[in-house]
């Protein structure tokens, strides 16, 4: 049984930092590209960042570039999202997701991500 469990969300002020973690179990971690998505109230789920199976390639949405860093630890089967310089518009539920390596679709679409966590709330106050 595959499980993705996010943690690390919370309420912070603008300019602060948070590190989200996603612990994966029940799957061969190195066989999956890992992604972070977020969903604000009343909005569609949107791509934030993704990392290849090796960690050698990372991808970000434009609003995350320069502020967020995705990484993965194969020894711990965990993927991280370090978020710096947080803004109120970053407020959302953040989801971790996994999709098989080389899935024939853009990493920034939800297509192919067949495993999802339950989400962790991030709230940034102004």
Protein backbone atom coordinates (compact mmCIF):
# COMPACT_ATOMS: atom_id res chain seq x y z
CA UNK A 1 0.00 0.00 0.00
CA UNK A 2 1.52 3.25 -1.17
CA UNK A 3 1.47 6.16 1.24
CA UNK A 4 2.69 9.71 0.86
CA UNK A 5 2.58 11.67 4.10
CA UNK A 6 3.26 15.41 4.08
CA UNK A 7 4.31 17.46 7.07
CA UNK A 8 5.82 20.82 7.87
CA UNK A 9 3.00 23.19 7.01
CA UNK A 10 1.88 25.98 9.28
CA UNK A 11 1.03 29.63 9.78
CA UNK A 12 3.86 32.06 9.14
CA UNK A 13 4.33 35.74 8.37
CA UNK A 14 5.32 37.03 4.97
CA UNK A 15 9.05 36.69 4.40
CA UNK A 16 9.41 33.61 6.59
CA UNK A 17 10.51 30.14 5.56
CA UNK A 18 9.03 26.67 5.83
CA UNK A 19 10.30 23.23 4.86
CA UNK A 20 7.72 20.70 3.78
CA UNK A 21 8.49 16.99 3.92
CA UNK A 22 6.83 14.07 2.18
CA UNK A 23 7.63 10.59 3.41
CA UNK A 24 6.92 7.84 0.87
CA UNK A 25 6.32 4.19 1.63
CA UNK A 26 5.09 1.16 -0.26
CA UNK A 27 6.80 2.08 -3.52
CA UNK A 28 10.24 1.89 -5.07
CA UNK A 29 11.21 5.50 -4.44
CA UNK A 30 13.84 5.64 -7.18
CA UNK A 31 11.26 4.61 -9.78
CA UNK A 32 9.25 7.78 -9.34
CA UNK A 33 9.47 11.41 -10.25
CA UNK A 34 8.21 13.39 -7.28
CA UNK A 35 6.21 16.59 -7.43
CA UNK A 36 4.68 19.25 -5.23
CA UNK A 37 1.37 20.85 -6.13
CA UNK A 38 -0.79 23.32 -4.26
CA UNK A 39 -4.43 24.28 -4.19
CA UNK A 40 -5.85 27.52 -2.84
CA UNK A 41 -9.53 27.87 -1.94
CA UNK A 42 -11.67 28.16 -5.05
CA UNK A 43 -8.75 27.54 -7.39
CA UNK A 44 -7.48 24.60 -9.39
CA UNK A 45 -4.59 22.50 -8.18
CA UNK A 46 -1.39 23.94 -9.61
CA UNK A 47 2.13 22.70 -10.12
CA UNK A 48 4.86 24.01 -7.84
CA UNK A 49 7.97 21.86 -8.36
CA UNK A 50 9.17 18.45 -9.45
CA UNK A 51 12.36 16.42 -9.15
CA UNK A 52 13.63 13.54 -11.26
CA UNK A 53 14.29 10.11 -9.81
CA UNK A 54 18.00 10.85 -9.41
CA UNK A 55 17.55 14.36 -8.13
CA UNK A 56 19.64 15.57 -11.02
CA UNK A 57 16.84 17.54 -12.64
CA UNK A 58 14.45 19.92 -10.96
CA UNK A 59 11.57 21.96 -12.33
CA UNK A 60 9.69 24.92 -10.89
CA UNK A 61 6.74 27.07 -11.67
CA UNK A 62 7.79 30.65 -12.37
CA UNK A 63 6.50 31.95 -9.04
CA UNK A 64 8.63 29.42 -7.15
CA UNK A 65 11.91 29.94 -9.00
CA UNK A 66 14.54 31.52 -6.79
CA UNK A 67 12.46 31.06 -3.61
CA UNK A 68 11.66 27.33 -3.40
CA UNK A 69 13.99 24.36 -3.59
CA UNK A 70 12.91 20.76 -4.09
CA UNK A 71 15.17 17.91 -3.04
CA UNK A 72 14.96 14.21 -2.23
CA UNK A 73 16.70 11.82 0.13
CA UNK A 74 16.73 8.24 -1.12
CA UNK A 75 17.96 6.89 2.22
CA UNK A 76 14.84 8.30 3.88
CA UNK A 77 12.42 7.92 0.95
CA UNK A 78 11.53 11.56 1.50
CA UNK A 79 11.11 14.58 -0.74
CA UNK A 80 11.39 18.11 0.59
CA UNK A 81 10.23 21.55 -0.45
CA UNK A 82 12.21 24.37 1.12
CA UNK A 83 10.19 27.56 0.81
CA UNK A 84 11.83 30.91 1.50
CA UNK A 85 10.57 34.47 1.26
CA UNK A 86 7.00 33.29 1.56
CA UNK A 87 4.22 35.54 0.30
CA UNK A 88 0.50 35.63 1.14
CA UNK A 89 -0.23 34.30 -2.35
CA UNK A 90 1.63 31.11 -1.42
CA UNK A 91 -1.22 30.27 0.95
CA UNK A 92 -2.66 26.90 -0.08
CA UNK A 93 -2.84 23.24 0.74
CA UNK A 94 0.37 21.65 -0.53
CA UNK A 95 0.29 18.13 -1.92
CA UNK A 96 3.07 15.70 -2.61
CA UNK A 97 2.65 13.38 -5.60
CA UNK A 98 4.51 10.57 -7.34
CA UNK A 99 4.49 9.46 -10.95
CA UNK A 100 6.48 6.77 -12.75
CA UNK A 101 9.72 7.86 -14.33
CA UNK A 102 9.50 8.72 -18.02
CA UNK A 103 5.73 9.11 -17.98
CA UNK A 104 4.92 10.69 -21.36
CA UNK A 105 3.49 13.99 -20.18
CA UNK A 106 4.78 17.24 -18.80
CA UNK A 107 5.88 17.02 -15.18
CA UNK A 108 3.78 20.12 -14.49
CA UNK A 109 0.44 18.47 -15.22
CA UNK A 110 -1.35 16.28 -12.71
CA UNK A 111 -1.54 13.57 -15.39
CA UNK A 112 0.51 10.54 -14.49
CA UNK A 113 0.83 11.38 -10.83
CA UNK A 114 -0.98 8.31 -9.58
CA UNK A 115 -0.13 8.66 -5.91
CA UNK A 116 -1.01 11.68 -3.79
CA UNK A 117 -0.62 12.68 -0.17
CA UNK A 118 -3.37 14.14 1.96
CA UNK A 119 -1.91 17.65 1.88
CA UNK A 120 -0.52 20.07 4.41
CA UNK A 121 -1.83 23.60 4.96
CA UNK A 122 0.47 26.56 4.46
CA UNK A 123 -0.87 29.95 5.49
CA UNK A 124 1.16 33.11 5.00
CA UNK A 125 -0.08 36.25 6.70
CA UNK A 126 0.75 39.74 5.48
